[in-house]
C-alpha cells in the first residue's frame, strides 16, 4: 500500500471519530418542538452532556448499535489539496452479547473501490482489504475483555455528539454537537418515530478541511428517551487554493441487533493459515 493511500485512510479515520450524523424529517409542532420536559433539553436548546449520556446508556442497555457515516467532499481547485478527506463510507457494528465487532471503511470517490473490513470475535481479528479486483487478508490474536468491549462501544456511541479531545495545553474540549448551538426547530420523524428536531448555523470549532469555515449547518434528531438516531453537518470555505465543501451524515441504527458473521471469514482463515 503506498504512503498517500495510507495517509488518506488515516485522515478518514480521524473524520470518522469526529464526524456528525444525517437527518430526515419535517418541521412542525411549533418552534419549541415535542418533549419539552425531557432532561436533555435546555429551553429551546440541547444539554449536550446529558444527551450524550442518555444516548450512550440506551445503546449499552440494548446490547449494541450500528454507526453508519457517509462523507461527501468536493473541491474546486487544482489537483488534490493537502490535507484532504476523500468521500467515504464508515460502518461500525457492536454486539455485546456475542462479543462481536464489525467494521467497514470504503473510499467512494476514486476510480476503483477501496474497502477495508475488520471482524473481531472469539479472540481474533480478521481483516479483508480490497482495492479494485485485488483482495488481501490478515489475521491476528486480540485480547479484549467484556469491559474493554463495552468501553469501545461507549466511545463509538458518542461520535458526533460529545467526543472528548485534548489540545496542546492539555485542556479537554468536545467535538460533535458540542461545537454547535442547536436550537429547536419543531418536530421531525426518523424510522416512523417522532423526533425533536434541532438546527444550527453557528459552528464554534476547528477543522482541517476546510481550513477556514465560512458557512456551516447542522441538524439533529432526538427520540424522546434521549437517543440520537441521525445528525447532519456541513462546512464550506477556503481551502488550499480553492473552496472545499464537506457534508457528513451519520446514523445510529439497529440497537440490540446481532452482528452477523461476514461471508468472507472462512476464506480469510484459510488464506492466513500457517
Protein backbone atom coordinates (compact mmCIF):
# COMPACT_ATOMS: atom_id res chain seq x y z
CA UNK A 1 0.00 0.00 0.00
CA UNK A 2 1.52 3.40 -0.95
CA UNK A 3 2.02 6.24 1.53
CA UNK A 4 -0.64 8.50 0.02
CA UNK A 5 -3.31 5.83 0.34
CA UNK A 6 -2.25 5.15 3.93
CA UNK A 7 -2.46 8.86 4.74
CA UNK A 8 -5.92 9.08 3.17
CA UNK A 9 -7.16 6.24 5.36
CA UNK A 10 -5.70 7.85 8.45
CA UNK A 11 -7.49 11.05 7.58
CA UNK A 12 -10.72 9.12 7.09
CA UNK A 13 -10.31 7.50 10.47
CA UNK A 14 -9.88 10.95 12.00
CA UNK A 15 -13.05 12.10 10.26
CA UNK A 16 -14.94 9.07 11.47
CA UNK A 17 -14.04 9.75 15.10
CA UNK A 18 -15.15 13.37 14.98
CA UNK A 19 -17.91 13.31 12.49
CA UNK A 20 -21.59 14.02 12.61
CA UNK A 21 -24.83 12.38 11.51
CA UNK A 22 -27.57 12.60 8.79
CA UNK A 23 -31.19 13.68 9.03
CA UNK A 24 -34.68 13.11 7.75
CA UNK A 25 -37.96 14.62 8.76
CA UNK A 26 -40.21 17.61 8.56
CA UNK A 27 -40.81 20.70 10.60
CA UNK A 28 -43.90 21.02 12.75
CA UNK A 29 -45.20 21.15 16.28
CA UNK A 30 -44.08 24.72 16.92
CA UNK A 31 -40.61 26.17 17.43
CA UNK A 32 -40.14 24.55 20.83
CA UNK A 33 -40.92 21.14 19.37
CA UNK A 34 -42.01 17.98 21.19
CA UNK A 35 -40.80 16.56 24.52
CA UNK A 36 -40.49 19.96 26.27
CA UNK A 37 -39.88 18.35 29.69
CA UNK A 38 -37.09 15.98 28.58
CA UNK A 39 -33.99 16.29 30.79
CA UNK A 40 -31.74 16.55 27.72
CA UNK A 41 -33.48 19.81 26.73
CA UNK A 42 -32.19 23.20 27.84
CA UNK A 43 -35.00 25.58 26.96
CA UNK A 44 -35.01 25.72 23.16
CA UNK A 45 -31.52 24.25 23.08
CA UNK A 46 -29.78 20.99 23.99
CA UNK A 47 -27.94 19.92 27.12
CA UNK A 48 -25.32 18.06 25.07
CA UNK A 49 -23.63 16.35 28.03
CA UNK A 50 -26.94 14.93 29.31
CA UNK A 51 -28.00 13.95 25.79
CA UNK A 52 -24.72 12.12 25.21
CA UNK A 53 -25.15 10.11 28.41
CA UNK A 54 -28.76 9.12 27.68
CA UNK A 55 -27.81 8.16 24.12
CA UNK A 56 -24.89 6.00 25.23
CA UNK A 57 -26.82 4.29 28.02
CA UNK A 58 -29.61 3.45 25.57
CA UNK A 59 -27.07 1.77 23.30
CA UNK A 60 -25.46 -0.21 26.12
CA UNK A 61 -28.79 -1.33 27.59
CA UNK A 62 -29.90 -2.77 24.24
CA UNK A 63 -26.56 -4.55 23.76
CA UNK A 64 -25.16 -2.82 20.71
CA UNK A 65 -25.65 -0.48 17.78
CA UNK A 66 -24.53 0.24 14.23
CA UNK A 67 -22.92 3.56 13.41
CA UNK A 68 -23.16 4.37 9.70
CA UNK A 69 -21.40 7.51 8.48
CA UNK A 70 -21.07 8.94 4.99
CA UNK A 71 -18.93 11.89 3.94
CA UNK A 72 -19.30 13.72 0.64
CA UNK A 73 -16.48 16.12 -0.15
CA UNK A 74 -15.76 18.41 -3.08
CA UNK A 75 -13.00 20.82 -4.07
CA UNK A 76 -12.96 23.34 -6.92
CA UNK A 77 -9.20 24.00 -7.00
CA UNK A 78 -6.47 22.27 -8.96
CA UNK A 79 -5.39 18.75 -8.03
CA UNK A 80 -5.90 17.20 -4.60
CA UNK A 81 -5.32 19.64 -1.74
CA UNK A 82 -3.43 18.82 1.42
CA UNK A 83 -4.75 17.92 3.91
CA UNK A 84 -7.79 16.30 2.35
CA UNK A 85 -10.62 13.93 3.24
CA UNK A 86 -11.96 11.98 0.26
CA UNK A 87 -15.59 10.90 0.10
CA UNK A 88 -16.12 7.78 2.16
CA UNK A 89 -18.46 5.45 4.00
CA UNK A 90 -17.82 4.18 7.51
CA UNK A 91 -19.74 1.41 9.26
CA UNK A 92 -19.13 0.06 12.75
CA UNK A 93 -21.38 -2.51 14.47
CA UNK A 94 -21.13 -3.79 18.06
CA UNK A 95 -22.82 -6.86 19.55
CA UNK A 96 -22.15 -7.09 23.30
CA UNK A 97 -23.91 -10.41 23.88
CA UNK A 98 -21.80 -12.29 21.34
CA UNK A 99 -18.64 -10.19 21.73
CA UNK A 100 -18.55 -9.24 18.04
CA UNK A 101 -17.44 -6.12 16.24
CA UNK A 102 -17.64 -5.48 12.51
CA UNK A 103 -16.01 -2.51 10.80
CA UNK A 104 -16.06 -1.37 7.17
CA UNK A 105 -14.46 1.69 5.60
CA UNK A 106 -14.89 2.47 1.89
CA UNK A 107 -13.36 5.22 -0.21
CA UNK A 108 -16.11 6.15 -2.66
CA UNK A 109 -14.65 8.96 -4.76
CA UNK A 110 -11.80 7.15 -6.54
CA UNK A 111 -11.56 5.38 -9.88
CA UNK A 112 -11.62 1.96 -8.24
CA UNK A 113 -13.20 0.85 -4.96
CA UNK A 114 -11.05 0.67 -1.84
CA UNK A 115 -12.67 -1.22 1.02
CA UNK A 116 -11.21 -2.17 4.37
CA UNK A 117 -13.15 -4.59 6.60
CA UNK A 118 -12.37 -5.92 10.07
CA UNK A 119 -14.23 -8.55 12.09
CA UNK A 120 -13.39 -9.23 15.74
CA UNK A 121 -14.78 -12.22 17.68
CA UNK A 122 -13.60 -15.13 19.80
CA UNK A 123 -10.14 -13.73 20.45
CA UNK A 124 -9.15 -12.99 16.87
CA UNK A 125 -9.34 -10.15 14.38
CA UNK A 126 -9.78 -10.93 10.69
CA UNK A 127 -9.11 -8.30 8.03
CA UNK A 128 -10.17 -8.09 4.41
CA UNK A 129 -8.73 -5.34 2.20
CA UNK A 130 -9.96 -4.88 -1.36
CA UNK A 131 -8.52 -2.47 -3.93
CA UNK A 132 -10.21 -2.89 -7.29
CA UNK A 133 -10.04 -6.63 -8.03
CA UNK A 134 -7.17 -7.27 -5.60
CA UNK A 135 -8.05 -8.76 -2.21
CA UNK A 136 -5.76 -9.30 0.77
CA UNK A 137 -6.49 -10.95 4.12
CA UNK A 138 -4.95 -10.69 7.56
CA UNK A 139 -5.41 -12.26 10.98
CA UNK A 140 -4.16 -11.56 14.49
CA UNK A 141 -4.97 -12.55 18.05
CA UNK A 142 -6.72 -9.96 20.20
CA UNK A 143 -7.30 -9.75 23.92
CA UNK A 144 -10.45 -7.84 24.79
CA UNK A 145 -12.38 -8.36 27.98
CA UNK A 146 -16.15 -7.72 28.16
CA UNK A 147 -15.35 -4.45 29.96
CA UNK A 148 -12.94 -3.44 27.18
CA UNK A 149 -15.59 -4.26 24.60
CA UNK A 150 -18.24 -2.19 26.37
CA UNK A 151 -15.81 0.73 26.73
CA UNK A 152 -15.15 0.65 22.98
CA UNK A 153 -18.89 0.63 22.30
CA UNK A 154 -19.42 3.60 24.62
CA UNK A 155 -16.71 5.55 22.81
CA UNK A 156 -18.21 4.77 19.39
CA UNK A 157 -21.71 5.72 20.56
CA UNK A 158 -20.51 9.25 21.42
CA UNK A 159 -19.27 10.00 17.90
CA UNK A 160 -20.97 13.09 16.52
CA UNK A 161 -22.49 14.01 19.87
CA UNK A 162 -19.83 14.52 22.53
CA UNK A 163 -16.28 13.34 21.74
CA UNK A 164 -13.51 14.46 24.14
CA UNK A 165 -10.39 15.96 22.57
CA UNK A 166 -7.26 17.42 24.21
CA UNK A 167 -5.33 20.36 22.80
CA UNK A 168 -1.62 21.15 23.25
CA UNK A 169 -2.28 22.73 26.63
CA UNK A 170 -3.95 19.56 27.90
CA UNK A 171 -7.36 21.22 28.06
CA UNK A 172 -10.24 18.93 27.07
CA UNK A 173 -12.76 20.15 24.53
CA UNK A 174 -15.64 18.35 22.83
CA UNK A 175 -16.41 17.78 19.17
CA UNK A 176 -19.75 16.86 17.64
CA UNK A 177 -22.83 18.76 18.79
CA UNK A 178 -20.70 20.44 21.42
CA UNK A 179 -19.28 22.65 18.66
CA UNK A 180 -22.71 23.91 17.64
CA UNK A 181 -25.56 25.88 19.18
CA UNK A 182 -28.54 23.67 18.22
CA UNK A 183 -31.94 25.32 18.62
CA UNK A 184 -35.38 23.68 18.49
CA UNK A 185 -36.95 23.58 15.04
CA UNK A 186 -40.19 21.69 15.57
CA UNK A 187 -40.95 18.03 15.06
CA UNK A 188 -39.34 15.53 12.70
CA UNK A 189 -39.52 11.80 12.03
CA UNK A 190 -36.94 9.03 11.74
CA UNK A 191 -37.85 5.40 11.01
CA UNK A 192 -41.53 6.21 11.54
CA UNK A 193 -40.97 7.58 15.05
CA UNK A 194 -41.41 11.23 16.08
CA UNK A 195 -38.32 13.23 16.92
CA UNK A 196 -37.45 16.64 18.26
CA UNK A 197 -35.53 18.44 15.52
CA UNK A 198 -32.69 20.87 16.25
CA UNK A 199 -30.77 23.03 13.77
CA UNK A 200 -27.76 25.34 13.92
CA UNK A 201 -25.72 27.55 11.63
CA UNK A 202 -23.33 28.58 14.40
CA UNK A 203 -20.15 26.46 14.41
CA UNK A 204 -17.51 27.08 17.06
CA UNK A 205 -14.80 24.53 16.41
CA UNK A 206 -11.61 23.82 14.49
CA UNK A 207 -11.43 21.89 11.24
CA UNK A 208 -8.59 20.85 8.96
CA UNK A 209 -10.93 20.62 5.95
CA UNK A 210 -11.95 23.24 5.01
CA UNK A 211 -9.11 25.22 6.56
CA UNK A 212 -11.44 28.19 7.09
CA UNK A 213 -15.16 27.68 7.71
CA UNK A 214 -17.27 30.41 6.10
CA UNK A 215 -20.67 28.70 6.19
CA UNK A 216 -21.83 25.72 8.22
CA UNK A 217 -25.04 23.99 9.26
CA UNK A 218 -26.13 21.11 11.44
CA UNK A 219 -29.40 19.27 12.03
CA UNK A 220 -30.01 16.70 14.76
CA UNK A 221 -32.98 14.47 15.56
CA UNK A 222 -33.64 13.16 19.08
CA UNK A 223 -36.11 10.48 20.23
CA UNK A 224 -37.97 11.24 23.46
CA UNK A 225 -35.81 8.93 25.67
CA UNK A 226 -32.70 10.83 24.55
CA UNK A 227 -31.40 8.62 21.74
CA UNK A 228 -29.98 10.44 18.68
CA UNK A 229 -30.76 8.47 15.51
CA UNK A 230 -29.44 10.99 12.98
CA UNK A 231 -27.41 14.21 12.62
CA UNK A 232 -26.22 16.11 9.59
CA UNK A 233 -23.30 18.53 9.46
CA UNK A 234 -21.84 20.53 6.58
CA UNK A 235 -19.00 23.01 6.20
CA UNK A 236 -17.78 25.17 3.31
CA UNK A 237 -14.92 27.62 2.99
CA UNK A 238 -11.47 28.44 1.56
CA UNK A 239 -9.06 25.53 1.46
CA UNK A 240 -5.62 25.38 -0.14
CA UNK A 241 -6.08 27.30 -3.43
CA UNK A 242 -9.82 26.74 -3.79
CA UNK A 243 -13.05 26.13 -1.91
CA UNK A 244 -13.89 22.88 -0.10
CA UNK A 245 -17.28 21.52 0.89
CA UNK A 246 -17.73 18.69 3.37
CA UNK A 247 -21.09 17.07 4.17
CA UNK A 248 -21.21 14.39 6.85
CA UNK A 249 -24.21 12.19 7.65
CA UNK A 250 -24.11 9.67 10.49
CA UNK A 251 -26.96 7.44 11.58
CA UNK A 252 -27.25 5.26 14.68
CA UNK A 253 -29.46 2.25 13.99
CA UNK A 254 -30.14 -1.42 14.77
CA UNK A 255 -29.90 -1.14 18.54
CA UNK A 256 -29.66 -4.60 20.04
CA UNK A 257 -29.28 -6.39 16.71
CA UNK A 258 -26.91 -9.34 16.31
CA UNK A 259 -23.76 -8.77 14.26
CA UNK A 260 -23.70 -11.43 11.56
CA UNK A 261 -20.52 -13.30 10.65
CA UNK A 262 -19.25 -11.85 7.33
CA UNK A 263 -19.31 -14.26 4.38
CA UNK A 264 -15.55 -13.81 3.82
CA UNK A 265 -14.47 -15.02 7.29
CA UNK A 266 -13.71 -18.64 6.37
CA UNK A 267 -11.75 -17.55 3.30
CA UNK A 268 -9.74 -15.18 5.49
CA UNK A 269 -8.90 -18.01 7.90
CA UNK A 270 -7.87 -20.30 5.03
CA UNK A 271 -5.72 -17.61 3.41
CA UNK A 272 -3.94 -16.79 6.67
CA UNK A 273 -3.49 -20.35 7.99
CA UNK A 274 0.10 -21.18 8.90
